[in-house]
């Protein structure tokens, strides 16, 4: 049985009011687990970019999200800042 099917079965008996809270908790737990699994890879990418380029390896940018709420976006630099 797939994890998605299990989640759907679990959420089917949860009331609509609790669905949002359970889904949000599931999203946070999954994001945390993926972050821990990908942390070694992200560290290697950071170190490689730090060695190869003189620019900071992490690119930050302000973006506008839902309801015009601004947030900071972090991503690995893929181009030099001179271009």
N, C-alpha and C. Protein backbone atom coordinates (compact mmCIF):
# COMPACT_ATOMS: atom_id res chain seq x y z
N UNK A 1 0.85 -1.17 0.00
CA UNK A 1 0.00 0.00 0.00
C UNK A 1 0.90 1.24 0.00
N UNK A 2 0.64 2.17 -0.89
CA UNK A 2 1.50 3.34 -1.03
C UNK A 2 1.27 4.32 0.13
N UNK A 3 2.29 5.13 0.45
CA UNK A 3 2.15 6.12 1.52
C UNK A 3 1.05 7.13 1.23
N UNK A 4 0.90 7.47 -0.05
CA UNK A 4 -0.14 8.44 -0.40
C UNK A 4 -1.53 7.89 -0.14
N UNK A 5 -1.73 6.60 -0.46
CA UNK A 5 -3.02 5.97 -0.20
C UNK A 5 -3.29 5.88 1.30
N UNK A 6 -2.26 5.54 2.07
CA UNK A 6 -2.43 5.51 3.52
C UNK A 6 -2.81 6.88 4.07
N UNK A 7 -2.15 7.92 3.53
CA UNK A 7 -2.48 9.27 3.98
C UNK A 7 -3.91 9.62 3.62
N UNK A 8 -4.33 9.27 2.42
CA UNK A 8 -5.71 9.57 2.02
C UNK A 8 -6.73 8.82 2.88
N UNK A 9 -6.43 7.56 3.21
CA UNK A 9 -7.33 6.81 4.08
C UNK A 9 -7.40 7.43 5.47
N UNK A 10 -6.23 7.85 5.96
CA UNK A 10 -6.20 8.48 7.29
C UNK A 10 -6.97 9.80 7.29
N UNK A 11 -6.76 10.60 6.24
CA UNK A 11 -7.41 11.90 6.19
C UNK A 11 -8.90 11.81 5.86
N UNK A 12 -9.35 10.68 5.33
CA UNK A 12 -10.76 10.56 4.97
C UNK A 12 -11.67 10.55 6.19
N UNK A 13 -11.17 10.07 7.32
CA UNK A 13 -12.03 10.05 8.50
C UNK A 13 -11.80 11.25 9.41
N UNK A 14 -10.85 12.10 9.06
CA UNK A 14 -10.61 13.31 9.85
C UNK A 14 -11.58 14.38 9.39
N UNK A 15 -12.16 15.09 10.33
CA UNK A 15 -13.13 16.11 9.96
C UNK A 15 -12.46 17.23 9.18
N UNK A 16 -13.26 18.02 8.49
CA UNK A 16 -12.74 19.10 7.66
C UNK A 16 -11.94 20.10 8.47
N UNK A 17 -12.34 20.36 9.70
CA UNK A 17 -11.62 21.33 10.53
C UNK A 17 -10.24 20.82 10.89
N UNK A 18 -10.12 19.54 11.15
CA UNK A 18 -8.83 18.95 11.53
C UNK A 18 -7.95 18.65 10.32
N UNK A 19 -8.56 18.54 9.15
CA UNK A 19 -7.82 18.20 7.94
C UNK A 19 -6.67 19.18 7.68
N UNK A 20 -6.95 20.47 7.81
CA UNK A 20 -5.94 21.50 7.54
C UNK A 20 -4.77 21.36 8.50
N UNK A 21 -5.06 21.11 9.77
CA UNK A 21 -3.99 21.00 10.77
C UNK A 21 -3.17 19.72 10.56
N UNK A 22 -3.84 18.64 10.24
CA UNK A 22 -3.13 17.38 10.01
C UNK A 22 -2.27 17.48 8.75
N UNK A 23 -2.81 18.08 7.70
CA UNK A 23 -2.06 18.24 6.46
C UNK A 23 -0.85 19.13 6.69
N UNK A 24 -1.01 20.21 7.41
CA UNK A 24 0.11 21.11 7.68
C UNK A 24 1.19 20.40 8.50
N UNK A 25 0.79 19.64 9.49
CA UNK A 25 1.74 18.88 10.30
C UNK A 25 2.48 17.87 9.42
N UNK A 26 1.77 17.18 8.56
CA UNK A 26 2.39 16.23 7.64
C UNK A 26 3.39 16.92 6.72
N UNK A 27 3.03 18.10 6.20
CA UNK A 27 3.93 18.86 5.33
C UNK A 27 5.21 19.24 6.06
N UNK A 28 5.10 19.69 7.29
CA UNK A 28 6.28 20.08 8.07
C UNK A 28 7.18 18.88 8.36
N UNK A 29 6.57 17.77 8.72
CA UNK A 29 7.36 16.57 9.03
C UNK A 29 8.08 16.07 7.78
N UNK A 30 7.38 16.02 6.66
CA UNK A 30 7.99 15.58 5.41
C UNK A 30 9.12 16.52 4.97
N UNK A 31 8.89 17.83 5.09
CA UNK A 31 9.93 18.80 4.72
C UNK A 31 11.16 18.65 5.60
N UNK A 32 10.96 18.41 6.88
CA UNK A 32 12.08 18.25 7.80
C UNK A 32 12.88 16.98 7.48
N UNK A 33 12.19 15.90 7.19
CA UNK A 33 12.87 14.65 6.85
C UNK A 33 13.66 14.80 5.55
N UNK A 34 13.06 15.43 4.54
CA UNK A 34 13.77 15.65 3.28
C UNK A 34 14.96 16.58 3.47
N UNK A 35 14.81 17.58 4.31
CA UNK A 35 15.93 18.48 4.59
C UNK A 35 17.10 17.72 5.20
N UNK A 36 16.80 16.86 6.17
CA UNK A 36 17.87 16.08 6.80
C UNK A 36 18.54 15.12 5.81
N UNK A 37 17.74 14.52 4.93
CA UNK A 37 18.30 13.60 3.94
C UNK A 37 19.16 14.31 2.89
N UNK A 38 18.77 15.52 2.53
CA UNK A 38 19.48 16.25 1.49
C UNK A 38 20.58 17.17 2.02
N UNK A 39 20.71 17.28 3.33
CA UNK A 39 21.70 18.17 3.92
C UNK A 39 23.13 17.85 3.49
N UNK A 40 23.55 16.59 3.46
CA UNK A 40 24.92 16.32 2.99
C UNK A 40 25.15 16.75 1.53
N UNK A 41 24.19 16.51 0.67
CA UNK A 41 24.31 16.92 -0.73
C UNK A 41 24.38 18.45 -0.84
N UNK A 42 23.51 19.14 -0.10
CA UNK A 42 23.51 20.59 -0.15
C UNK A 42 24.82 21.16 0.40
N UNK A 43 25.39 20.53 1.40
CA UNK A 43 26.67 20.97 1.95
C UNK A 43 27.79 20.83 0.91
N UNK A 44 27.79 19.72 0.19
CA UNK A 44 28.80 19.51 -0.86
C UNK A 44 28.65 20.56 -1.97
N UNK A 45 27.44 20.83 -2.38
CA UNK A 45 27.20 21.84 -3.42
C UNK A 45 27.67 23.20 -2.94
N UNK A 46 27.38 23.52 -1.69
CA UNK A 46 27.80 24.80 -1.12
C UNK A 46 29.32 24.93 -1.15
N UNK A 47 30.02 23.89 -0.72
CA UNK A 47 31.48 23.93 -0.68
C UNK A 47 32.07 24.04 -2.08
N UNK A 48 31.52 23.32 -3.04
CA UNK A 48 32.02 23.39 -4.42
C UNK A 48 31.83 24.80 -4.98
N UNK A 49 30.66 25.38 -4.77
CA UNK A 49 30.41 26.73 -5.27
C UNK A 49 31.30 27.76 -4.57
N UNK A 50 31.56 27.54 -3.31
CA UNK A 50 32.43 28.45 -2.55
C UNK A 50 33.85 28.41 -3.08
N UNK A 51 34.32 27.23 -3.47
CA UNK A 51 35.68 27.08 -3.98
C UNK A 51 35.79 27.62 -5.42
N UNK A 52 34.81 27.33 -6.26
CA UNK A 52 34.90 27.67 -7.68
C UNK A 52 34.67 29.16 -7.93
N UNK A 53 33.67 29.76 -7.27
CA UNK A 53 33.32 31.16 -7.54
C UNK A 53 33.74 32.05 -6.38
N UNK A 54 33.99 33.32 -6.70
CA UNK A 54 34.30 34.30 -5.66
C UNK A 54 33.03 34.86 -5.01
N UNK A 55 31.93 34.70 -5.68
CA UNK A 55 30.65 35.22 -5.18
C UNK A 55 30.11 34.34 -4.06
N UNK A 56 29.19 34.86 -3.27
CA UNK A 56 28.54 34.02 -2.25
C UNK A 56 27.78 32.87 -2.92
N UNK A 57 27.85 31.67 -2.38
CA UNK A 57 27.19 30.51 -3.01
C UNK A 57 25.67 30.54 -2.94
N UNK A 58 25.13 31.25 -1.97
CA UNK A 58 23.67 31.31 -1.80
C UNK A 58 23.15 32.63 -2.36
N UNK A 59 22.18 32.54 -3.26
CA UNK A 59 21.54 33.71 -3.85
C UNK A 59 20.24 33.96 -3.09
N UNK A 60 20.02 35.19 -2.66
CA UNK A 60 18.77 35.53 -1.97
C UNK A 60 18.01 36.58 -2.77
N UNK A 61 16.71 36.47 -2.73
CA UNK A 61 15.86 37.40 -3.45
C UNK A 61 14.53 37.54 -2.72
N UNK A 62 14.03 38.77 -2.65
CA UNK A 62 12.70 38.99 -2.08
C UNK A 62 11.66 38.73 -3.15
N UNK A 63 10.64 37.99 -2.77
CA UNK A 63 9.53 37.71 -3.69
C UNK A 63 8.22 38.00 -3.00
N UNK A 64 7.18 38.16 -3.79
CA UNK A 64 5.85 38.44 -3.28
C UNK A 64 5.02 37.17 -3.41
N UNK A 65 4.44 36.74 -2.29
CA UNK A 65 3.66 35.52 -2.28
C UNK A 65 2.18 35.78 -2.19
N UNK A 66 1.49 34.81 -1.63
CA UNK A 66 0.04 34.88 -1.48
C UNK A 66 -0.36 36.06 -0.61
N UNK A 67 -1.39 36.75 -0.99
CA UNK A 67 -1.91 37.93 -0.28
C UNK A 67 -0.86 39.02 -0.16
N UNK A 68 0.01 39.14 -1.15
CA UNK A 68 1.07 40.16 -1.23
C UNK A 68 2.03 40.12 -0.05
N UNK A 69 2.19 38.96 0.54
CA UNK A 69 3.14 38.79 1.64
C UNK A 69 4.52 38.50 1.05
N UNK A 70 5.52 39.27 1.47
CA UNK A 70 6.86 39.08 0.93
C UNK A 70 7.61 38.01 1.72
N UNK A 71 8.50 37.30 1.03
CA UNK A 71 9.32 36.29 1.67
C UNK A 71 10.68 36.27 0.99
N UNK A 72 11.67 35.70 1.66
CA UNK A 72 13.01 35.58 1.11
C UNK A 72 13.17 34.21 0.46
N UNK A 73 13.68 34.21 -0.75
CA UNK A 73 13.96 32.98 -1.47
C UNK A 73 15.46 32.73 -1.43
N UNK A 74 15.87 31.54 -1.05
CA UNK A 74 17.27 31.16 -1.01
C UNK A 74 17.50 30.07 -2.05
N UNK A 75 18.52 30.25 -2.90
CA UNK A 75 18.86 29.20 -3.85
C UNK A 75 20.36 29.24 -4.12
N UNK A 76 20.85 28.11 -4.61
CA UNK A 76 22.26 28.06 -4.95
C UNK A 76 22.51 28.92 -6.19
N UNK A 77 23.59 29.65 -6.14
CA UNK A 77 23.94 30.52 -7.28
C UNK A 77 24.32 29.63 -8.46
N UNK A 78 23.72 29.92 -9.61
CA UNK A 78 24.03 29.15 -10.82
C UNK A 78 24.78 30.00 -11.85
N UNK A 79 24.88 31.30 -11.60
CA UNK A 79 25.63 32.19 -12.48
C UNK A 79 26.45 33.14 -11.62
N UNK A 80 27.50 33.67 -12.19
CA UNK A 80 28.29 34.65 -11.46
C UNK A 80 27.55 35.97 -11.46
N UNK A 81 27.82 36.81 -10.47
CA UNK A 81 27.09 38.08 -10.36
C UNK A 81 27.57 39.09 -11.39
N UNK A 82 28.66 38.80 -12.10
CA UNK A 82 29.18 39.71 -13.13
C UNK A 82 28.34 39.67 -14.40
N UNK A 83 27.52 38.65 -14.59
CA UNK A 83 26.74 38.53 -15.83
C UNK A 83 25.44 39.27 -15.72
